[in-house]
C-alpha atoms as a PDB file:
ATOM      1  CA  MET A   1     -12.002  11.374  21.361  1.00  0.00           C
ATOM      2  CA  ASP A   2     -10.133   9.316  23.963  1.00  0.00           C
ATOM      3  CA  ASP A   3     -10.124   6.347  21.594  1.00  0.00           C
ATOM      4  CA  LEU A   4      -8.044   8.312  19.054  1.00  0.00           C
ATOM      5  CA  SER A   5      -5.265   9.203  21.497  1.00  0.00           C
ATOM      6  CA  LEU A   6      -1.679   8.005  20.897  1.00  0.00           C
ATOM      7  CA  TYR A   7      -1.438   7.192  24.607  1.00  0.00           C
ATOM      8  CA  GLU A   8      -3.147   4.588  26.687  1.00  0.00           C
ATOM      9  CA  LYS A   9      -5.561   5.865  29.272  1.00  0.00           C
ATOM     10  CA  GLY A  10      -3.784   6.910  32.420  1.00  0.00           C
ATOM     11  CA  GLU A  11      -0.412   7.292  30.622  1.00  0.00           C
ATOM     12  CA  PRO A  12       1.246  10.729  31.056  1.00  0.00           C
ATOM     13  CA  PHE A  13       0.878  13.043  28.005  1.00  0.00           C
ATOM     14  CA  ASP A  14       4.069  14.672  26.584  1.00  0.00           C
ATOM     15  CA  PRO A  15       3.209  17.393  23.996  1.00  0.00           C
ATOM     16  CA  TYR A  16       6.859  17.787  22.907  1.00  0.00           C
ATOM     17  CA  THR A  17       7.071  14.135  21.879  1.00  0.00           C
ATOM     18  CA  VAL A  18       3.885  14.448  19.845  1.00  0.00           C
ATOM     19  CA  MET A  19       5.133  17.619  18.102  1.00  0.00           C
ATOM     20  CA  LEU A  20       8.464  15.975  17.293  1.00  0.00           C
ATOM     21  CA  PHE A  21       6.732  12.915  15.825  1.00  0.00           C
ATOM     22  CA  LYS A  22       4.408  15.037  13.676  1.00  0.00           C
ATOM     23  CA  GLY A  23       7.336  17.165  12.511  1.00  0.00           C
ATOM     24  CA  LEU A  24       9.222  14.083  11.355  1.00  0.00           C
ATOM     25  CA  GLN A  25       6.151  12.966   9.411  1.00  0.00           C
ATOM     26  CA  VAL A  26       5.962  16.331   7.608  1.00  0.00           C
ATOM     27  CA  VAL A  27       9.687  16.305   6.766  1.00  0.00           C
ATOM     28  CA  ALA A  28       9.443  12.744   5.381  1.00  0.00           C
ATOM     29  CA  PHE A  29       6.419  13.693   3.260  1.00  0.00           C
ATOM     30  CA  LEU A  30       8.159  16.772   1.822  1.00  0.00           C
ATOM     31  CA  PHE A  31      11.287  14.712   1.074  1.00  0.00           C
ATOM     32  CA  PHE A  32       9.395  12.121  -0.970  1.00  0.00           C
ATOM     33  CA  LEU A  33       7.394  14.854  -2.724  1.00  0.00           C
ATOM     34  CA  ALA A  34      10.595  16.662  -3.751  1.00  0.00           C
ATOM     35  CA  LEU A  35      12.151  13.385  -4.903  1.00  0.00           C
ATOM     36  CA  SER A  36       9.204  12.624  -7.194  1.00  0.00           C
ATOM     37  CA  VAL A  37       9.414  16.100  -8.759  1.00  0.00           C
ATOM     38  CA  MET A  38      13.190  15.927  -9.356  1.00  0.00           C
ATOM     39  CA  ASN A  39      12.986  12.428 -10.868  1.00  0.00           C
ATOM     40  CA  PRO A  40       9.751  12.150 -12.866  1.00  0.00           C
ATOM     41  CA  PRO A  41       9.008   8.689 -14.271  1.00  0.00           C
ATOM     42  CA  GLN A  42      10.546   8.206 -17.705  1.00  0.00           C
ATOM     43  CA  SER A  43       8.803   6.455 -20.553  1.00  0.00           C
ATOM     44  CA  ALA A  44      11.562   4.288 -22.049  1.00  0.00           C
ATOM     45  CA  GLY A  45      11.767   4.427 -25.817  1.00  0.00           C
ATOM     46  CA  SER A  46       8.930   6.915 -26.250  1.00  0.00           C
ATOM     47  CA  VAL A  47       9.070   8.840 -29.524  1.00  0.00           C
ATOM     48  CA  ASN A  48       6.749  11.596 -30.647  1.00  0.00           C
ATOM     49  CA  THR A  49       5.656  10.528 -34.104  1.00  0.00           C
ATOM     50  CA  LYS A  50       2.775  12.976 -34.540  1.00  0.00           C
ATOM     51  CA  ALA A  51       2.288  14.041 -38.133  1.00  0.00           C
ATOM     52  CA  GLU A  52      -0.552  15.141 -40.378  1.00  0.00           C
ATOM     53  CA  TYR A  53       0.610  13.580 -43.651  1.00  0.00           C
ATOM     54  CA  ILE A  54       3.196  10.975 -44.650  1.00  0.00           C
ATOM     55  CA  ILE A  55       4.622  10.697 -48.170  1.00  0.00           C
ATOM     56  CA  THR A  56       6.395   7.399 -48.835  1.00  0.00           C
ATOM     57  CA  MET A  57       8.487   6.499 -51.888  1.00  0.00           C
ATOM     58  CA  THR A  58       9.733   2.952 -52.521  1.00  0.00           C
ATOM     59  CA  TRP A  59      11.524   1.136 -55.323  1.00  0.00           C
ATOM     60  CA  PRO A  60      12.521  -2.547 -55.671  1.00  0.00           C
ATOM     61  CA  ASP A  61      14.367  -4.160 -52.756  1.00  0.00           C
ATOM     62  CA  LEU A  62      18.150  -4.481 -53.094  1.00  0.00           C
ATOM     63  CA  HIS A  63      18.060  -2.261 -56.186  1.00  0.00           C
ATOM     64  CA  PRO A  64      21.378  -0.386 -56.559  1.00  0.00           C
ATOM     65  CA  ASP A  65      19.991   2.747 -58.248  1.00  0.00           C
ATOM     66  CA  ASP A  66      19.685   5.935 -56.186  1.00  0.00           C
ATOM     67  CA  VAL A  67      16.181   7.447 -56.340  1.00  0.00           C
ATOM     68  CA  ASP A  68      15.315  10.707 -54.541  1.00  0.00           C
ATOM     69  CA  LEU A  69      12.092  12.154 -53.137  1.00  0.00           C
ATOM     70  CA  SER A  70      11.515  15.916 -52.962  1.00  0.00           C
ATOM     71  CA  VAL A  71       8.481  17.870 -51.751  1.00  0.00           C
ATOM     72  CA  GLU A  72       7.682  21.571 -52.084  1.00  0.00           C
ATOM     73  CA  ASP A  73       5.228  23.220 -49.677  1.00  0.00           C
ATOM     74  CA  PRO A  74       2.813  26.124 -50.428  1.00  0.00           C
ATOM     75  CA  MET A  75       5.430  28.663 -49.280  1.00  0.00           C
ATOM     76  CA  GLY A  76       7.965  27.406 -51.824  1.00  0.00           C
ATOM     77  CA  LYS A  77      10.120  25.638 -49.229  1.00  0.00           C
ATOM     78  CA  LEU A  78      11.737  22.438 -50.467  1.00  0.00           C
ATOM     79  CA  VAL A  79      12.609  19.321 -48.499  1.00  0.00           C
ATOM     80  CA  TRP A  80      15.164  17.053 -50.192  1.00  0.00           C
ATOM     81  CA  TYR A  81      18.424  15.233 -49.451  1.00  0.00           C
ATOM     82  CA  ARG A  82      20.315  18.521 -49.057  1.00  0.00           C
ATOM     83  CA  GLN A  83      17.703  20.009 -46.723  1.00  0.00           C
ATOM     84  CA  ARG A  84      15.939  17.360 -44.676  1.00  0.00           C
ATOM     85  CA  ASP A  85      14.187  19.729 -42.244  1.00  0.00           C
ATOM     86  CA  VAL A  86      12.379  22.784 -43.531  1.00  0.00           C
ATOM     87  CA  GLY A  87       9.191  24.430 -42.352  1.00  0.00           C
ATOM     88  CA  LEU A  88       6.905  21.657 -41.118  1.00  0.00           C
ATOM     89  CA  MET A  89       8.381  18.994 -43.419  1.00  0.00           C
ATOM     90  CA  HIS A  90      11.016  16.382 -42.586  1.00  0.00           C
ATOM     91  CA  LEU A  91      12.828  13.814 -44.766  1.00  0.00           C
ATOM     92  CA  GLU A  92      13.504  10.747 -42.622  1.00  0.00           C
ATOM     93  CA  ARG A  93      16.417   9.348 -44.664  1.00  0.00           C
ATOM     94  CA  ASP A  94      18.276   9.807 -47.937  1.00  0.00           C
ATOM     95  CA  ASP A  95      18.199   6.201 -49.157  1.00  0.00           C
ATOM     96  CA  GLN A  96      20.889   5.685 -51.832  1.00  0.00           C
ATOM     97  CA  GLY A  97      19.840   2.293 -53.164  1.00  0.00           C
ATOM     98  CA  ASN A  98      21.899  -0.545 -51.717  1.00  0.00           C
ATOM     99  CA  TYR A  99      24.723   1.876 -50.825  1.00  0.00           C
ATOM    100  CA  LYS A 100      25.455   1.668 -47.070  1.00  0.00           C
ATOM    101  CA  ASP A 101      22.719  -0.959 -46.654  1.00  0.00           C
ATOM    102  CA  THR A 102      25.263  -3.617 -45.646  1.00  0.00           C
ATOM    103  CA  ILE A 103      27.155  -3.667 -42.355  1.00  0.00           C
ATOM    104  CA  LEU A 104      29.546  -6.137 -40.738  1.00  0.00           C
ATOM    105  CA  VAL A 105      28.660  -7.279 -37.237  1.00  0.00           C
ATOM    106  CA  LYS A 106      31.107  -9.127 -35.000  1.00  0.00           C
ATOM    107  CA  GLY A 107      30.585 -10.734 -31.618  1.00  0.00           C
ATOM    108  CA  ALA A 108      26.784 -10.690 -31.804  1.00  0.00           C
ATOM    109  CA  LYS A 109      24.141 -13.319 -32.395  1.00  0.00           C
ATOM    110  CA  LEU A 110      21.436 -11.936 -34.637  1.00  0.00           C
ATOM    111  CA  THR A 111      18.057 -13.230 -35.766  1.00  0.00           C
ATOM    112  CA  ALA A 112      16.554 -12.512 -39.170  1.00  0.00           C
ATOM    113  CA  LYS A 113      13.611 -10.194 -38.618  1.00  0.00           C
ATOM    114  CA  ASP A 114      12.121  -6.860 -39.657  1.00  0.00           C
ATOM    115  CA  GLY A 115      13.161  -7.371 -43.272  1.00  0.00           C
ATOM    116  CA  MET A 116      16.844  -7.804 -42.402  1.00  0.00           C
ATOM    117  CA  VAL A 117      18.863 -10.473 -44.183  1.00  0.00           C
ATOM    118  CA  ILE A 118      21.544 -12.136 -42.045  1.00  0.00           C
ATOM    119  CA  LYS A 119      24.539 -13.727 -43.790  1.00  0.00           C
ATOM    120  CA  GLY A 120      27.130 -14.831 -41.290  1.00  0.00           C
ATOM    121  CA  GLU A 121      28.518 -11.581 -39.886  1.00  0.00           C
ATOM    122  CA  THR A 122      26.931  -9.451 -42.625  1.00  0.00           C
ATOM    123  CA  VAL A 123      23.596  -7.682 -42.118  1.00  0.00           C
ATOM    124  CA  VAL A 124      21.785  -6.460 -45.236  1.00  0.00           C
ATOM    125  CA  ASN A 125      18.766  -4.153 -45.290  1.00  0.00           C
ATOM    126  CA  PRO A 126      17.004  -4.811 -48.610  1.00  0.00           C
ATOM    127  CA  LEU A 127      14.411  -2.016 -48.301  1.00  0.00           C
ATOM    128  CA  ASN A 128      14.674   1.024 -50.570  1.00  0.00           C
ATOM    129  CA  GLN A 129      12.457   3.729 -49.100  1.00  0.00           C
ATOM    130  CA  GLU A 130      12.322   7.455 -48.409  1.00  0.00           C
ATOM    131  CA  THR A 131       9.668   9.133 -46.257  1.00  0.00           C
ATOM    132  CA  VAL A 132       8.630  12.762 -45.840  1.00  0.00           C
ATOM    133  CA  THR A 133       6.409  13.730 -42.913  1.00  0.00           C
ATOM    134  CA  ILE A 134       4.298  16.889 -42.847  1.00  0.00           C
ATOM    135  CA  ARG A 135       3.896  17.733 -39.161  1.00  0.00           C
ATOM    136  CA  GLY A 136       1.400  20.580 -39.355  1.00  0.00           C
ATOM    137  CA  ILE A 137      -1.158  22.171 -41.622  1.00  0.00           C
ATOM    138  CA  VAL A 138       0.034  24.875 -44.008  1.00  0.00           C
ATOM    139  CA  PRO A 139      -2.865  25.442 -46.440  1.00  0.00           C
ATOM    140  CA  GLY A 140      -2.047  25.410 -50.121  1.00  0.00           C
ATOM    141  CA  GLU A 141      -0.495  23.232 -52.802  1.00  0.00           C
ATOM    142  CA  TYR A 142       2.238  20.641 -52.244  1.00  0.00           C
ATOM    143  CA  VAL A 143       4.337  19.233 -55.110  1.00  0.00           C
ATOM    144  CA  VAL A 144       5.740  15.692 -54.870  1.00  0.00           C
ATOM    145  CA  ASN A 145       8.607  14.761 -57.212  1.00  0.00           C
ATOM    146  CA  VAL A 146      10.841  11.721 -57.681  1.00  0.00           C
ATOM    147  CA  SER A 147      14.153  11.752 -59.531  1.00  0.00           C
ATOM    148  CA  LEU A 148      16.857   9.286 -60.544  1.00  0.00           C
ATOM    149  CA  TYR A 149      20.183  10.527 -59.206  1.00  0.00           C
ATOM    150  CA  ARG A 150      22.342   7.467 -59.883  1.00  0.00           C
ATOM    151  CA  ALA A 151      21.448   4.964 -62.636  1.00  0.00           C
ATOM    152  CA  ILE A 152      23.755   2.023 -61.998  1.00  0.00           C
ATOM    153  CA  THR A 153      21.725  -0.664 -63.756  1.00  0.00           C
ATOM    154  CA  GLY A 154      20.981   1.401 -66.852  1.00  0.00           C
ATOM    155  CA  LYS A 155      17.441   0.024 -66.811  1.00  0.00           C
ATOM    156  CA  PRO A 156      14.059   1.657 -66.038  1.00  0.00           C
ATOM    157  CA  VAL A 157      13.208   1.787 -62.333  1.00  0.00           C
ATOM    158  CA  PRO A 158       9.588   1.496 -61.109  1.00  0.00           C
ATOM    159  CA  VAL A 159       8.965   3.911 -58.236  1.00  0.00           C
ATOM    160  CA  THR A 160       5.851   3.801 -56.053  1.00  0.00           C
ATOM    161  CA  VAL A 161       4.597   6.807 -54.097  1.00  0.00           C
ATOM    162  CA  ASN A 162       1.941   6.827 -51.385  1.00  0.00           C
ATOM    163  CA  ILE A 163       0.483  10.006 -49.886  1.00  0.00           C
ATOM    164  CA  ASP A 164      -1.473   9.322 -46.701  1.00  0.00           C
ATOM    165  CA  LYS A 165      -3.345  11.549 -44.295  1.00  0.00           C
ATOM    166  CA  ILE A 166      -2.831  10.012 -40.855  1.00  0.00           C
ATOM    167  CA  ASN A 167      -4.552  12.396 -38.435  1.00  0.00           C
ATOM    168  CA  PRO A 168      -7.091  11.796 -36.965  1.00  0.00           C
ATOM    169  CA  ARG A 169      -7.306   8.541 -38.974  1.00  0.00           C
ATOM    170  CA  VAL A 170      -5.368   7.009 -41.849  1.00  0.00           C
ATOM    171  CA  GLU A 171      -6.733   7.956 -45.282  1.00  0.00           C
ATOM    172  CA  SER A 172      -5.089   7.368 -48.649  1.00  0.00           C
ATOM    173  CA  VAL A 173      -4.750  10.588 -50.627  1.00  0.00           C
ATOM    174  CA  HIS A 174      -2.781   9.227 -53.592  1.00  0.00           C
ATOM    175  CA  HIS A 175      -1.111   6.022 -54.729  1.00  0.00           C
ATOM    176  CA  SER A 176       0.717   5.514 -58.019  1.00  0.00           C
ATOM    177  CA  THR A 177       3.769   3.989 -59.670  1.00  0.00           C
ATOM    178  CA  VAL A 178       5.927   5.832 -62.193  1.00  0.00           C
ATOM    179  CA  VAL A 179       8.989   4.692 -64.134  1.00  0.00           C
ATOM    180  CA  LEU A 180      12.299   6.555 -64.168  1.00  0.00           C
ATOM    181  CA  SER A 181      14.274   5.647 -67.283  1.00  0.00           C
ATOM    182  CA  ARG A 182      17.461   7.728 -67.256  1.00  0.00           C
ATOM    183  CA  ARG A 183      19.830   9.528 -64.926  1.00  0.00           C
ATOM    184  CA  ALA A 184      18.637  12.970 -63.710  1.00  0.00           C
ATOM    185  CA  GLU A 185      15.096  12.323 -64.903  1.00  0.00           C
ATOM    186  CA  GLU A 186      12.583  14.046 -62.623  1.00  0.00           C
ATOM    187  CA  ILE A 187       8.850  13.289 -62.541  1.00  0.00           C
ATOM    188  CA  THR A 188       6.077  15.144 -60.723  1.00  0.00           C
ATOM    189  CA  VAL A 189       4.068  12.303 -59.216  1.00  0.00           C
ATOM    190  CA  ALA A 190       1.309  14.439 -57.752  1.00  0.00           C
ATOM    191  CA  ARG A 191       0.322  17.925 -56.685  1.00  0.00           C
ATOM    192  CA  PHE A 192      -2.197  18.096 -53.861  1.00  0.00           C
ATOM    193  CA  THR A 193      -3.895  20.980 -52.099  1.00  0.00           C
ATOM    194  CA  ILE A 194      -4.572  21.024 -48.352  1.00  0.00           C
ATOM    195  CA  ALA A 195      -7.398  23.243 -47.112  1.00  0.00           C
ATOM    196  CA  ALA A 196      -7.278  25.196 -43.846  1.00  0.00           C
ATOM    197  CA  SER A 197      -9.356  22.409 -42.291  1.00  0.00           C
ATOM    198  CA  GLY A 198      -6.530  19.953 -42.977  1.00  0.00           C
ATOM    199  CA  GLU A 199      -8.439  18.044 -45.650  1.00  0.00           C
ATOM    200  CA  VAL A 200      -7.166  17.522 -49.194  1.00  0.00           C
ATOM    201  CA  SER A 201      -9.319  19.462 -51.642  1.00  0.00           C
ATOM    202  CA  LYS A 202      -7.525  18.676 -54.914  1.00  0.00           C
ATOM    203  CA  VAL A 203      -5.068  16.151 -56.394  1.00  0.00           C
ATOM    204  CA  THR A 204      -3.562  16.438 -59.881  1.00  0.00           C
ATOM    205  CA  THR A 205      -1.096  14.156 -61.651  1.00  0.00           C
ATOM    206  CA  ASN A 206      -0.612  15.850 -65.020  1.00  0.00           C
ATOM    207  CA  GLU A 207       1.044  19.150 -64.058  1.00  0.00           C
ATOM    208  CA  PRO A 208       4.854  18.664 -64.025  1.00  0.00           C
ATOM    209  CA  LYS A 209       7.110  21.032 -62.109  1.00  0.00           C
ATOM    210  CA  VAL A 210      10.896  20.807 -61.824  1.00  0.00           C
ATOM    211  CA  LEU A 211      12.108  21.033 -58.212  1.00  0.00           C
ATOM    212  CA  LEU A 212      15.719  19.825 -58.358  1.00  0.00           C
ATOM    213  CA  GLY A 213      16.837  19.902 -61.963  1.00  0.00           C
ATOM    214  CA  PRO A 214      19.608  17.796 -63.579  1.00  0.00           C
ATOM    215  CA  SER A 215      22.472  19.597 -61.822  1.00  0.00           C
ATOM    216  CA  ALA A 216      21.373  19.005 -58.219  1.00  0.00           C
ATOM    217  CA  PRO A 217      24.507  17.921 -56.256  1.00  0.00           C
ATOM    218  CA  LYS A 218      24.521  14.895 -53.951  1.00  0.00           C
END
């Protein structure tokens, strides 16, 4: 035990000095412990993107027409541009064609990437897309509709819809393209049923159901 002493052999032993030294060690330890609790490490840019299903609607890039996606859950709740969060469903963005897809940027050097088109000080996002996420399992039937709110071109618009199950792995539930030909036209792209297990038990494409109607306000 003599080898573990803080003092050299023959040196006088002062218990008060030892107690003071040990006390300082305890205070320092408690200080750093409290500091770590008050300031936990932050994960920069972390976003919780957990979802069970993702429904994605796209139409041609840079197209000026305004196409809308709406989804009804088994409880009759409707997610659309007027109600982007309802139940366990969330509409990421109300994309209105090329409206508000162009911004002016000054005093910045930008590089063309991620589908962005750079023209001098003008930044254009060509993508036309709306996405609905289903963030939990509510068993029953879901109805997926697309509608043409603003028909600027006066021509038919091809609209593609993908329904994907993403948890625990990505699986395609439905993929199709429909054509909207006139303003206020609404098409039921698919109706799919989710079982209590979270799996899709049924998909139909020939049972139309009006969700918004021609008088839905923007």
